[in-house]
C-alpha atoms as a PDB file:
ATOM      1  CA  UNK A   1      16.046  10.450  12.514  1.00  0.00           C
ATOM      2  CA  UNK A   2      17.987   8.724  10.142  1.00  0.00           C
ATOM      3  CA  UNK A   3      16.234   6.252   7.683  1.00  0.00           C
ATOM      4  CA  UNK A   4      17.589   2.924   8.970  1.00  0.00           C
ATOM      5  CA  UNK A   5      15.743   4.025  12.255  1.00  0.00           C
ATOM      6  CA  UNK A   6      12.503   3.886  11.065  1.00  0.00           C
ATOM      7  CA  UNK A   7      10.686   1.056  12.167  1.00  0.00           C
ATOM      8  CA  UNK A   8       8.101  -0.932   9.696  1.00  0.00           C
ATOM      9  CA  UNK A   9       6.805  -2.999  12.172  1.00  0.00           C
ATOM     10  CA  UNK A  10       4.908   0.146  13.399  1.00  0.00           C
ATOM     11  CA  UNK A  11       3.086   0.756  10.091  1.00  0.00           C
ATOM     12  CA  UNK A  12       2.466  -2.787   8.678  1.00  0.00           C
ATOM     13  CA  UNK A  13       2.301  -6.260   9.885  1.00  0.00           C
ATOM     14  CA  UNK A  14       1.737  -9.996   8.287  1.00  0.00           C
ATOM     15  CA  UNK A  15      -2.205  -9.373   9.186  1.00  0.00           C
ATOM     16  CA  UNK A  16      -1.958  -6.098   6.917  1.00  0.00           C
ATOM     17  CA  UNK A  17      -0.613  -8.382   3.917  1.00  0.00           C
ATOM     18  CA  UNK A  18      -2.837  -9.806   1.487  1.00  0.00           C
ATOM     19  CA  UNK A  19      -1.322 -12.356  -1.049  1.00  0.00           C
ATOM     20  CA  UNK A  20      -4.378 -13.848  -2.735  1.00  0.00           C
ATOM     21  CA  UNK A  21      -6.572 -10.724  -3.602  1.00  0.00           C
ATOM     22  CA  UNK A  22     -10.186 -11.500  -4.976  1.00  0.00           C
ATOM     23  CA  UNK A  23     -10.416  -8.443  -6.587  1.00  0.00           C
ATOM     24  CA  UNK A  24     -10.536  -8.051 -10.220  1.00  0.00           C
ATOM     25  CA  UNK A  25     -11.398  -4.105 -10.384  1.00  0.00           C
ATOM     26  CA  UNK A  26      -9.674  -1.382  -9.081  1.00  0.00           C
ATOM     27  CA  UNK A  27     -12.473  -0.374  -6.474  1.00  0.00           C
ATOM     28  CA  UNK A  28     -12.684  -4.129  -5.475  1.00  0.00           C
ATOM     29  CA  UNK A  29      -8.760  -3.998  -4.699  1.00  0.00           C
ATOM     30  CA  UNK A  30      -9.251  -0.936  -2.517  1.00  0.00           C
ATOM     31  CA  UNK A  31     -12.291  -2.037  -1.091  1.00  0.00           C
ATOM     32  CA  UNK A  32     -10.154  -5.085  -0.044  1.00  0.00           C
ATOM     33  CA  UNK A  33      -7.206  -3.889   1.882  1.00  0.00           C
ATOM     34  CA  UNK A  34      -9.305  -1.208   3.236  1.00  0.00           C
ATOM     35  CA  UNK A  35     -11.375  -3.964   4.635  1.00  0.00           C
ATOM     36  CA  UNK A  36      -7.517  -5.429   6.436  1.00  0.00           C
ATOM     37  CA  UNK A  37      -7.628  -2.055   7.559  1.00  0.00           C
ATOM     38  CA  UNK A  38     -10.556  -1.767   8.941  1.00  0.00           C
ATOM     39  CA  UNK A  39     -10.582  -5.211  11.057  1.00  0.00           C
ATOM     40  CA  UNK A  40      -7.314  -4.301  12.351  1.00  0.00           C
ATOM     41  CA  UNK A  41      -7.903  -1.599  14.050  1.00  0.00           C
ATOM     42  CA  UNK A  42      -6.587   0.929  11.843  1.00  0.00           C
ATOM     43  CA  UNK A  43      -9.199   3.121  10.024  1.00  0.00           C
ATOM     44  CA  UNK A  44     -12.478   4.039  11.920  1.00  0.00           C
ATOM     45  CA  UNK A  45     -14.818   3.755   8.815  1.00  0.00           C
ATOM     46  CA  UNK A  46     -14.719   1.811   5.430  1.00  0.00           C
ATOM     47  CA  UNK A  47     -16.850   3.743   3.379  1.00  0.00           C
ATOM     48  CA  UNK A  48     -15.391   7.248   4.364  1.00  0.00           C
ATOM     49  CA  UNK A  49     -11.595   6.336   4.140  1.00  0.00           C
ATOM     50  CA  UNK A  50     -12.220   4.637   0.545  1.00  0.00           C
ATOM     51  CA  UNK A  51     -14.116   7.908  -0.342  1.00  0.00           C
ATOM     52  CA  UNK A  52     -11.188   9.648   0.721  1.00  0.00           C
ATOM     53  CA  UNK A  53      -8.618   7.263  -1.458  1.00  0.00           C
ATOM     54  CA  UNK A  54     -10.657   7.426  -4.452  1.00  0.00           C
ATOM     55  CA  UNK A  55     -10.385  11.282  -4.094  1.00  0.00           C
ATOM     56  CA  UNK A  56      -6.819  11.004  -4.245  1.00  0.00           C
ATOM     57  CA  UNK A  57      -6.898   8.833  -7.197  1.00  0.00           C
ATOM     58  CA  UNK A  58      -8.451  11.568  -8.926  1.00  0.00           C
ATOM     59  CA  UNK A  59      -5.536  13.922  -8.341  1.00  0.00           C
ATOM     60  CA  UNK A  60      -2.905  11.968  -9.978  1.00  0.00           C
ATOM     61  CA  UNK A  61      -1.820   8.600 -11.193  1.00  0.00           C
ATOM     62  CA  UNK A  62      -0.994   5.921  -8.520  1.00  0.00           C
ATOM     63  CA  UNK A  63      -0.012   3.017 -10.725  1.00  0.00           C
ATOM     64  CA  UNK A  64       4.180   3.035 -10.746  1.00  0.00           C
ATOM     65  CA  UNK A  65       5.780   0.317 -13.721  1.00  0.00           C
ATOM     66  CA  UNK A  66       6.041  -3.199 -13.674  1.00  0.00           C
ATOM     67  CA  UNK A  67       2.497  -4.013 -12.025  1.00  0.00           C
ATOM     68  CA  UNK A  68       2.688  -2.167  -8.664  1.00  0.00           C
ATOM     69  CA  UNK A  69       0.141   0.906  -7.731  1.00  0.00           C
ATOM     70  CA  UNK A  70       0.564   2.846  -4.352  1.00  0.00           C
ATOM     71  CA  UNK A  71      -2.714   4.442  -3.753  1.00  0.00           C
ATOM     72  CA  UNK A  72      -3.053   6.534  -0.448  1.00  0.00           C
ATOM     73  CA  UNK A  73      -5.785   7.848   1.827  1.00  0.00           C
ATOM     74  CA  UNK A  74      -4.720  10.901   3.558  1.00  0.00           C
ATOM     75  CA  UNK A  75      -8.083  10.720   6.095  1.00  0.00           C
ATOM     76  CA  UNK A  76      -9.522  11.715   8.986  1.00  0.00           C
ATOM     77  CA  UNK A  77     -10.651   8.233   9.563  1.00  0.00           C
ATOM     78  CA  UNK A  78      -7.564   6.911  10.006  1.00  0.00           C
ATOM     79  CA  UNK A  79      -7.079   5.519  13.643  1.00  0.00           C
ATOM     80  CA  UNK A  80      -3.381   4.909  12.856  1.00  0.00           C
ATOM     81  CA  UNK A  81      -1.080   5.400  10.192  1.00  0.00           C
ATOM     82  CA  UNK A  82      -0.655   2.056   8.232  1.00  0.00           C
ATOM     83  CA  UNK A  83      -0.002   0.208   5.033  1.00  0.00           C
ATOM     84  CA  UNK A  84      -2.169  -2.735   3.921  1.00  0.00           C
ATOM     85  CA  UNK A  85      -0.345  -4.551   0.672  1.00  0.00           C
ATOM     86  CA  UNK A  86      -2.330  -6.989  -1.797  1.00  0.00           C
ATOM     87  CA  UNK A  87      -1.606  -9.167  -4.593  1.00  0.00           C
ATOM     88  CA  UNK A  88      -4.187  -9.772  -6.950  1.00  0.00           C
ATOM     89  CA  UNK A  89      -4.802 -13.189  -8.995  1.00  0.00           C
ATOM     90  CA  UNK A  90      -5.499 -11.221 -12.123  1.00  0.00           C
ATOM     91  CA  UNK A  91      -4.117  -8.469 -13.215  1.00  0.00           C
ATOM     92  CA  UNK A  92      -6.456  -4.919 -12.932  1.00  0.00           C
ATOM     93  CA  UNK A  93      -6.688  -2.119 -15.105  1.00  0.00           C
ATOM     94  CA  UNK A  94      -5.258   0.750 -13.250  1.00  0.00           C
ATOM     95  CA  UNK A  95      -3.990   4.233 -14.819  1.00  0.00           C
ATOM     96  CA  UNK A  96      -0.396   3.656 -14.066  1.00  0.00           C
ATOM     97  CA  UNK A  97       3.285   5.643 -15.302  1.00  0.00           C
ATOM     98  CA  UNK A  98       4.089   2.552 -17.814  1.00  0.00           C
ATOM     99  CA  UNK A  99       0.601   2.206 -19.052  1.00  0.00           C
ATOM    100  CA  UNK A 100       0.389  -1.538 -18.054  1.00  0.00           C
ATOM    101  CA  UNK A 101      -2.231  -3.283 -15.749  1.00  0.00           C
ATOM    102  CA  UNK A 102      -1.416  -3.825 -11.808  1.00  0.00           C
ATOM    103  CA  UNK A 103      -1.315  -6.872  -9.692  1.00  0.00           C
ATOM    104  CA  UNK A 104       0.351  -5.259  -6.300  1.00  0.00           C
ATOM    105  CA  UNK A 105      -1.118  -2.638  -4.351  1.00  0.00           C
ATOM    106  CA  UNK A 106       0.316  -0.830  -1.492  1.00  0.00           C
ATOM    107  CA  UNK A 107      -2.401   1.288   0.134  1.00  0.00           C
ATOM    108  CA  UNK A 108      -1.103   4.052   2.378  1.00  0.00           C
ATOM    109  CA  UNK A 109      -3.577   5.114   5.169  1.00  0.00           C
ATOM    110  CA  UNK A 110      -2.050   8.281   6.300  1.00  0.00           C
ATOM    111  CA  UNK A 111      -3.437  10.224   9.588  1.00  0.00           C
ATOM    112  CA  UNK A 112      -4.206  13.619   8.590  1.00  0.00           C
ATOM    113  CA  UNK A 113      -1.803  14.437  12.041  1.00  0.00           C
ATOM    114  CA  UNK A 114       1.113  12.182  10.610  1.00  0.00           C
ATOM    115  CA  UNK A 115       1.150  13.667   7.205  1.00  0.00           C
ATOM    116  CA  UNK A 116       4.519  15.441   7.931  1.00  0.00           C
ATOM    117  CA  UNK A 117       6.188  12.985  10.188  1.00  0.00           C
ATOM    118  CA  UNK A 118       7.723   9.755  10.247  1.00  0.00           C
ATOM    119  CA  UNK A 119       5.422   7.789   8.541  1.00  0.00           C
ATOM    120  CA  UNK A 120       5.863  10.192   5.539  1.00  0.00           C
ATOM    121  CA  UNK A 121       9.351   8.944   5.665  1.00  0.00           C
ATOM    122  CA  UNK A 122       8.284   5.291   5.640  1.00  0.00           C
ATOM    123  CA  UNK A 123       5.938   5.721   2.915  1.00  0.00           C
ATOM    124  CA  UNK A 124       8.813   7.618   1.026  1.00  0.00           C
ATOM    125  CA  UNK A 125      11.431   4.577   1.308  1.00  0.00           C
ATOM    126  CA  UNK A 126       8.506   2.123  -0.097  1.00  0.00           C
ATOM    127  CA  UNK A 127       8.648   4.352  -2.783  1.00  0.00           C
ATOM    128  CA  UNK A 128      12.186   4.314  -3.120  1.00  0.00           C
ATOM    129  CA  UNK A 129      12.289   0.578  -2.402  1.00  0.00           C
ATOM    130  CA  UNK A 130       9.484   0.435  -5.500  1.00  0.00           C
ATOM    131  CA  UNK A 131      11.895   1.865  -7.793  1.00  0.00           C
ATOM    132  CA  UNK A 132      14.320  -1.292  -7.358  1.00  0.00           C
ATOM    133  CA  UNK A 133      13.092  -3.376 -10.338  1.00  0.00           C
ATOM    134  CA  UNK A 134      15.079  -6.499  -8.430  1.00  0.00           C
ATOM    135  CA  UNK A 135      12.730  -6.100  -5.484  1.00  0.00           C
ATOM    136  CA  UNK A 136       9.575  -5.808  -7.635  1.00  0.00           C
ATOM    137  CA  UNK A 137      10.347  -8.710  -9.442  1.00  0.00           C
ATOM    138  CA  UNK A 138      10.442 -10.664  -6.196  1.00  0.00           C
ATOM    139  CA  UNK A 139       7.272  -9.119  -4.872  1.00  0.00           C
ATOM    140  CA  UNK A 140       6.013 -11.086  -7.648  1.00  0.00           C
ATOM    141  CA  UNK A 141       7.293 -14.186  -7.034  1.00  0.00           C
ATOM    142  CA  UNK A 142       7.291 -14.311  -2.902  1.00  0.00           C
ATOM    143  CA  UNK A 143       4.884 -16.956  -1.440  1.00  0.00           C
ATOM    144  CA  UNK A 144       4.505 -15.952   1.940  1.00  0.00           C
ATOM    145  CA  UNK A 145       3.496 -12.634   4.328  1.00  0.00           C
ATOM    146  CA  UNK A 146       6.736 -13.202   6.155  1.00  0.00           C
ATOM    147  CA  UNK A 147       8.946 -12.987   3.039  1.00  0.00           C
ATOM    148  CA  UNK A 148       6.858  -9.781   1.618  1.00  0.00           C
ATOM    149  CA  UNK A 149       7.553  -8.102   5.147  1.00  0.00           C
ATOM    150  CA  UNK A 150      11.028  -8.429   5.082  1.00  0.00           C
ATOM    151  CA  UNK A 151      11.465  -7.017   1.620  1.00  0.00           C
ATOM    152  CA  UNK A 152       9.385  -3.908   2.758  1.00  0.00           C
ATOM    153  CA  UNK A 153      11.502  -3.582   5.903  1.00  0.00           C
ATOM    154  CA  UNK A 154      14.752  -4.094   3.955  1.00  0.00           C
ATOM    155  CA  UNK A 155      17.387  -0.879   3.913  1.00  0.00           C
ATOM    156  CA  UNK A 156      18.266  -0.132   0.553  1.00  0.00           C
END
């Protein structure tokens, strides 16, 4: 299966994007995005999933560069492997590769059973996308969920 055939619409939708997160801390951002996953039927238990995400946070830095973080939870509470995307009004303190705070959070929710499949390839593709500075700059300025979704789904 080649990368072009991967279907982003299976893991992320406009319902899972929030461009005006109210969070002022890392945990609040994770809670808000987790709630999006919950109300959209992607996870079964918010508290349990958050614990798994925070456990993973303890294992390594999820803040990339230029204001983007990619926390993820591989969890039994995930019903459907999904990606929730948020942008906060304020920059948040977050351990990041460039030492700077972040304001774009891409939260990966991965079913334990899916951890070796297509979904991981999708996640890797998002990571590749985020290594492109122009893409990250666009994420900072996009005004609509639709344009966010479009950018995420681009083939590079």
